[in-house]
Amino acid sequence: MPYLILFFAVVAETIGTTALQASQQFTRLWPSVVVVVAYGISFALLGWALKFLPVGIAYAIWSGLGIVLIAIIGLAVFGQKLDLPAVVGMGMILGGILVIHLFSTTAPH
């Protein structure tokens, strides 16, 4: 259950960051509203997940997955290209998340 809550926190954060790009530095009203609401939901869900997960583990997963998802959205929606080092680095982030999830005794499974 804590990982599901954390997953939805990541989704909300990704929506907020996508809207942040679409808001054009807060000059467009509705994307700006989405930024505030989505980040609010994300932080509320992250806070809830922290009742069950250590802060370091939760934040590593939240930020790492957010980085990878927003990079994919940046590519698909905004046409922002990634070079090979960026892709390798994000692969390493995902690898780190897998190591935490599969092998760490700090995080509940």
N, C-alpha and C. Protein backbone atom coordinates (compact mmCIF):
# COMPACT_ATOMS: atom_id res chain seq x y z
N MET A 1 0.80 -1.21 0.00
CA MET A 1 0.00 0.00 0.00
C MET A 1 0.85 1.29 0.00
N PRO A 2 1.94 1.37 0.79
CA PRO A 2 2.72 2.61 0.75
C PRO A 2 3.31 2.90 -0.63
N TYR A 3 3.66 1.84 -1.36
CA TYR A 3 4.22 2.05 -2.68
C TYR A 3 3.16 2.54 -3.66
N LEU A 4 1.92 2.13 -3.48
CA LEU A 4 0.83 2.61 -4.33
C LEU A 4 0.58 4.09 -4.07
N ILE A 5 0.58 4.48 -2.81
CA ILE A 5 0.44 5.89 -2.45
C ILE A 5 1.60 6.69 -3.06
N LEU A 6 2.80 6.16 -2.94
CA LEU A 6 3.98 6.83 -3.50
C LEU A 6 3.89 6.92 -5.02
N PHE A 7 3.38 5.88 -5.66
CA PHE A 7 3.21 5.90 -7.11
C PHE A 7 2.28 7.05 -7.53
N PHE A 8 1.16 7.20 -6.83
CA PHE A 8 0.24 8.28 -7.17
C PHE A 8 0.85 9.65 -6.87
N ALA A 9 1.72 9.73 -5.86
CA ALA A 9 2.44 10.98 -5.59
C ALA A 9 3.35 11.32 -6.77
N VAL A 10 4.01 10.31 -7.33
CA VAL A 10 4.89 10.52 -8.49
C VAL A 10 4.06 10.96 -9.70
N VAL A 11 2.91 10.32 -9.90
CA VAL A 11 2.04 10.69 -11.03
C VAL A 11 1.60 12.15 -10.90
N ALA A 12 1.18 12.55 -9.70
CA ALA A 12 0.74 13.93 -9.48
C ALA A 12 1.90 14.91 -9.70
N GLU A 13 3.09 14.55 -9.22
CA GLU A 13 4.25 15.41 -9.41
C GLU A 13 4.59 15.54 -10.89
N THR A 14 4.46 14.46 -11.63
CA THR A 14 4.75 14.47 -13.06
C THR A 14 3.74 15.34 -13.81
N ILE A 15 2.48 15.25 -13.42
CA ILE A 15 1.45 16.11 -14.01
C ILE A 15 1.77 17.57 -13.71
N GLY A 16 2.15 17.85 -12.47
CA GLY A 16 2.49 19.23 -12.10
C GLY A 16 3.68 19.77 -12.87
N THR A 17 4.69 18.96 -13.06
CA THR A 17 5.87 19.41 -13.79
C THR A 17 5.57 19.59 -15.27
N THR A 18 4.74 18.73 -15.83
CA THR A 18 4.32 18.89 -17.22
C THR A 18 3.54 20.19 -17.38
N ALA A 19 2.64 20.46 -16.44
CA ALA A 19 1.87 21.70 -16.48
C ALA A 19 2.76 22.92 -16.27
N LEU A 20 3.83 22.75 -15.48
CA LEU A 20 4.77 23.85 -15.27
C LEU A 20 5.40 24.27 -16.59
N GLN A 21 5.78 23.31 -17.40
CA GLN A 21 6.32 23.62 -18.74
C GLN A 21 5.24 24.28 -19.59
N ALA A 22 4.03 23.75 -19.54
CA ALA A 22 2.93 24.29 -20.35
C ALA A 22 2.47 25.67 -19.87
N SER A 23 2.73 26.01 -18.62
CA SER A 23 2.30 27.31 -18.09
C SER A 23 3.11 28.47 -18.65
N GLN A 24 4.22 28.18 -19.29
CA GLN A 24 5.11 29.19 -19.86
C GLN A 24 5.47 30.24 -18.80
N GLN A 25 6.13 29.74 -17.74
CA GLN A 25 6.59 30.58 -16.62
C GLN A 25 5.42 31.28 -15.93
N PHE A 26 4.34 30.53 -15.73
CA PHE A 26 3.14 31.01 -15.04
C PHE A 26 2.45 32.17 -15.74
N THR A 27 2.55 32.23 -17.06
CA THR A 27 1.85 33.27 -17.82
C THR A 27 0.52 32.76 -18.38
N ARG A 28 0.24 31.47 -18.26
CA ARG A 28 -1.02 30.89 -18.71
C ARG A 28 -1.77 30.38 -17.48
N LEU A 29 -3.02 30.80 -17.32
CA LEU A 29 -3.77 30.56 -16.09
C LEU A 29 -4.01 29.09 -15.79
N TRP A 30 -4.64 28.36 -16.68
CA TRP A 30 -5.07 26.99 -16.34
C TRP A 30 -3.91 26.03 -16.13
N PRO A 31 -2.87 26.07 -16.95
CA PRO A 31 -1.72 25.22 -16.60
C PRO A 31 -1.10 25.60 -15.26
N SER A 32 -1.13 26.89 -14.92
CA SER A 32 -0.60 27.34 -13.63
C SER A 32 -1.43 26.80 -12.48
N VAL A 33 -2.74 26.77 -12.65
CA VAL A 33 -3.63 26.19 -11.63
C VAL A 33 -3.33 24.71 -11.46
N VAL A 34 -3.15 24.01 -12.58
CA VAL A 34 -2.83 22.58 -12.52
C VAL A 34 -1.52 22.35 -11.77
N VAL A 35 -0.53 23.21 -11.97
CA VAL A 35 0.75 23.09 -11.26
C VAL A 35 0.51 23.09 -9.75
N VAL A 36 -0.20 24.08 -9.27
CA VAL A 36 -0.42 24.24 -7.84
C VAL A 36 -1.21 23.06 -7.26
N VAL A 37 -2.28 22.67 -7.94
CA VAL A 37 -3.12 21.57 -7.46
C VAL A 37 -2.35 20.25 -7.49
N ALA A 38 -1.67 19.98 -8.59
CA ALA A 38 -0.96 18.70 -8.73
C ALA A 38 0.18 18.58 -7.72
N TYR A 39 0.94 19.66 -7.54
CA TYR A 39 2.01 19.61 -6.54
C TYR A 39 1.44 19.46 -5.14
N GLY A 40 0.32 20.12 -4.87
CA GLY A 40 -0.32 19.97 -3.56
C GLY A 40 -0.71 18.53 -3.30
N ILE A 41 -1.32 17.90 -4.29
CA ILE A 41 -1.71 16.48 -4.17
C ILE A 41 -0.47 15.62 -4.00
N SER A 42 0.55 15.89 -4.80
CA SER A 42 1.77 15.10 -4.74
C SER A 42 2.41 15.15 -3.35
N PHE A 43 2.55 16.35 -2.80
CA PHE A 43 3.18 16.48 -1.49
C PHE A 43 2.31 15.86 -0.39
N ALA A 44 0.99 15.97 -0.53
CA ALA A 44 0.10 15.34 0.46
C ALA A 44 0.27 13.82 0.42
N LEU A 45 0.31 13.25 -0.77
CA LEU A 45 0.48 11.80 -0.90
C LEU A 45 1.88 11.37 -0.44
N LEU A 46 2.90 12.15 -0.77
CA LEU A 46 4.24 11.84 -0.30
C LEU A 46 4.28 11.85 1.23
N GLY A 47 3.65 12.84 1.82
CA GLY A 47 3.59 12.90 3.28
C GLY A 47 2.89 11.70 3.87
N TRP A 48 1.83 11.24 3.22
CA TRP A 48 1.11 10.06 3.70
C TRP A 48 2.00 8.83 3.58
N ALA A 49 2.72 8.71 2.46
CA ALA A 49 3.61 7.57 2.27
C ALA A 49 4.71 7.55 3.33
N LEU A 50 5.11 8.72 3.83
CA LEU A 50 6.16 8.80 4.84
C LEU A 50 5.73 8.22 6.19
N LYS A 51 4.46 7.97 6.36
CA LYS A 51 4.00 7.27 7.57
C LYS A 51 4.49 5.83 7.57
N PHE A 52 4.78 5.29 6.38
CA PHE A 52 5.11 3.89 6.23
C PHE A 52 6.52 3.63 5.72
N LEU A 53 7.11 4.62 5.07
CA LEU A 53 8.42 4.44 4.43
C LEU A 53 9.43 5.42 5.03
N PRO A 54 10.69 5.04 5.13
CA PRO A 54 11.72 5.99 5.54
C PRO A 54 11.83 7.12 4.52
N VAL A 55 12.09 8.32 5.00
CA VAL A 55 12.11 9.50 4.13
C VAL A 55 13.14 9.37 3.00
N GLY A 56 14.30 8.84 3.28
CA GLY A 56 15.33 8.70 2.24
C GLY A 56 14.90 7.77 1.12
N ILE A 57 14.28 6.66 1.49
CA ILE A 57 13.81 5.70 0.50
C ILE A 57 12.66 6.29 -0.31
N ALA A 58 11.69 6.88 0.38
CA ALA A 58 10.52 7.44 -0.31
C ALA A 58 10.94 8.56 -1.26
N TYR A 59 11.83 9.43 -0.79
CA TYR A 59 12.24 10.55 -1.63
C TYR A 59 13.07 10.08 -2.82
N ALA A 60 13.91 9.08 -2.62
CA ALA A 60 14.71 8.55 -3.73
C ALA A 60 13.80 8.00 -4.82
N ILE A 61 12.78 7.26 -4.43
CA ILE A 61 11.85 6.69 -5.40
C ILE A 61 11.02 7.80 -6.04
N TRP A 62 10.49 8.72 -5.23
CA TRP A 62 9.63 9.81 -5.73
C TRP A 62 10.39 10.67 -6.74
N SER A 63 11.58 11.09 -6.38
CA SER A 63 12.32 11.96 -7.28
C SER A 63 12.87 11.20 -8.49
N GLY A 64 13.37 9.98 -8.27
CA GLY A 64 13.94 9.21 -9.37
C GLY A 64 12.92 8.86 -10.43
N LEU A 65 11.77 8.35 -10.01
CA LEU A 65 10.73 8.03 -10.99
C LEU A 65 10.20 9.28 -11.65
N GLY A 66 10.10 10.36 -10.88
CA GLY A 66 9.65 11.63 -11.46
C GLY A 66 10.59 12.11 -12.55
N ILE A 67 11.89 12.00 -12.32
CA ILE A 67 12.88 12.40 -13.33
C ILE A 67 12.69 11.61 -14.62
N VAL A 68 12.58 10.31 -14.49
CA VAL A 68 12.46 9.46 -15.67
C VAL A 68 11.15 9.72 -16.40
N LEU A 69 10.04 9.79 -15.65
CA LEU A 69 8.74 10.01 -16.30
C LEU A 69 8.68 11.38 -16.99
N ILE A 70 9.19 12.41 -16.35
CA ILE A 70 9.11 13.74 -16.97
C ILE A 70 10.04 13.82 -18.18
N ALA A 71 11.13 13.08 -18.18
CA ALA A 71 11.99 13.04 -19.36
C ALA A 71 11.27 12.38 -20.53
N ILE A 72 10.53 11.32 -20.24
CA ILE A 72 9.74 10.64 -21.30
C ILE A 72 8.65 11.57 -21.81
N ILE A 73 7.97 12.27 -20.90
CA ILE A 73 6.92 13.21 -21.31
C ILE A 73 7.54 14.37 -22.09
N GLY A 74 8.69 14.86 -21.64
CA GLY A 74 9.37 15.93 -22.36
C GLY A 74 9.68 15.53 -23.80
N LEU A 75 10.08 14.29 -23.98
CA LEU A 75 10.36 13.79 -25.31
C LEU A 75 9.08 13.66 -26.13
N ALA A 76 8.06 13.02 -25.56
CA ALA A 76 6.83 12.73 -26.29
C ALA A 76 5.96 13.97 -26.53
N VAL A 77 5.86 14.84 -25.55
CA VAL A 77 4.93 15.97 -25.64
C VAL A 77 5.61 17.25 -26.15
N PHE A 78 6.82 17.52 -25.64
CA PHE A 78 7.48 18.78 -25.96
C PHE A 78 8.62 18.64 -26.97
N GLY A 79 8.89 17.42 -27.43
CA GLY A 79 9.93 17.20 -28.42
C GLY A 79 11.34 17.43 -27.91
N GLN A 80 11.54 17.30 -26.60
CA GLN A 80 12.86 17.51 -26.00
C GLN A 80 13.67 16.22 -26.10
N LYS A 81 14.73 16.25 -26.84
CA LYS A 81 15.54 15.06 -27.10
C LYS A 81 16.51 14.78 -25.95
N LEU A 82 16.84 13.53 -25.78
CA LEU A 82 17.83 13.10 -24.79
C LEU A 82 19.01 12.49 -25.51
N ASP A 83 20.22 12.81 -25.06
CA ASP A 83 21.39 12.17 -25.64
C ASP A 83 21.70 10.88 -24.87
N LEU A 84 22.68 10.13 -25.36
CA LEU A 84 23.01 8.85 -24.77
C LEU A 84 23.40 8.95 -23.29
N PRO A 85 24.24 9.91 -22.89
CA PRO A 85 24.57 10.00 -21.47
C PRO A 85 23.33 10.24 -20.59
N ALA A 86 22.37 11.01 -21.07
CA ALA A 86 21.15 11.25 -20.31
C ALA A 86 20.35 9.96 -20.15
N VAL A 87 20.25 9.20 -21.22
CA VAL A 87 19.51 7.93 -21.17
C VAL A 87 20.22 6.94 -20.24
N VAL A 88 21.54 6.86 -20.33
CA VAL A 88 22.30 5.97 -19.45
C VAL A 88 22.13 6.39 -17.99
N GLY A 89 22.22 7.69 -17.73
CA GLY A 89 22.05 8.19 -16.37
C GLY A 89 20.67 7.85 -15.81
N MET A 90 19.64 8.01 -16.61
CA MET A 90 18.29 7.67 -16.15
C MET A 90 18.13 6.18 -15.96
N GLY A 91 18.80 5.41 -16.77
CA GLY A 91 18.80 3.96 -16.56
C GLY A 91 19.44 3.60 -15.22
N MET A 92 20.49 4.34 -14.87
CA MET A 92 21.14 4.11 -13.57
C MET A 92 20.22 4.50 -12.42
N ILE A 93 19.45 5.57 -12.60
CA ILE A 93 18.46 5.96 -11.58
C ILE A 93 17.44 4.85 -11.39
N LEU A 94 16.91 4.32 -12.50
CA LEU A 94 15.95 3.22 -12.40
C LEU A 94 16.59 1.99 -11.76
N GLY A 95 17.84 1.73 -12.11
CA GLY A 95 18.57 0.62 -11.49
C GLY A 95 18.69 0.80 -9.98
N GLY A 96 18.97 2.01 -9.56
CA GLY A 96 19.06 2.31 -8.14
C GLY A 96 17.74 2.08 -7.42
N ILE A 97 16.65 2.47 -8.06
CA ILE A 97 15.33 2.25 -7.47
C ILE A 97 15.06 0.75 -7.35
N LEU A 98 15.43 -0.01 -8.36
CA LEU A 98 15.25 -1.46 -8.30
C LEU A 98 16.09 -2.09 -7.19
N VAL A 99 17.33 -1.64 -7.04
CA VAL A 99 18.19 -2.17 -5.97
C VAL A 99 17.55 -1.89 -4.61
N ILE A 100 17.05 -0.68 -4.42
CA ILE A 100 16.39 -0.35 -3.16
C ILE A 100 15.20 -1.26 -2.93
N HIS A 101 14.37 -1.39 -3.93
CA HIS A 101 13.15 -2.18 -3.78
C HIS A 101 13.43 -3.67 -3.60
N LEU A 102 14.37 -4.20 -4.33
CA LEU A 102 14.61 -5.64 -4.29
C LEU A 102 15.53 -6.10 -3.16
N PHE A 103 16.48 -5.26 -2.75
CA PHE A 103 17.51 -5.75 -1.84
C PHE A 103 17.60 -5.01 -0.50
N SER A 104 17.04 -3.83 -0.40
CA SER A 104 17.17 -3.07 0.84
C SER A 104 16.28 -3.63 1.94
N THR A 105 16.83 -3.76 3.11
CA THR A 105 16.01 -4.16 4.26
C THR A 105 15.45 -2.92 4.97
N THR A 106 15.82 -1.74 4.51
CA THR A 106 15.33 -0.50 5.09
C THR A 106 13.88 -0.24 4.70
N ALA A 107 13.51 -0.62 3.46
CA ALA A 107 12.17 -0.37 2.95
C ALA A 107 11.30 -1.61 3.11
N PRO A 108 10.04 -1.42 3.57
CA PRO A 108 9.14 -2.57 3.66
C PRO A 108 8.77 -3.08 2.29
N HIS A 109 8.65 -4.39 2.16
CA HIS A 109 8.31 -4.99 0.87
C HIS A 109 6.96 -5.66 0.95
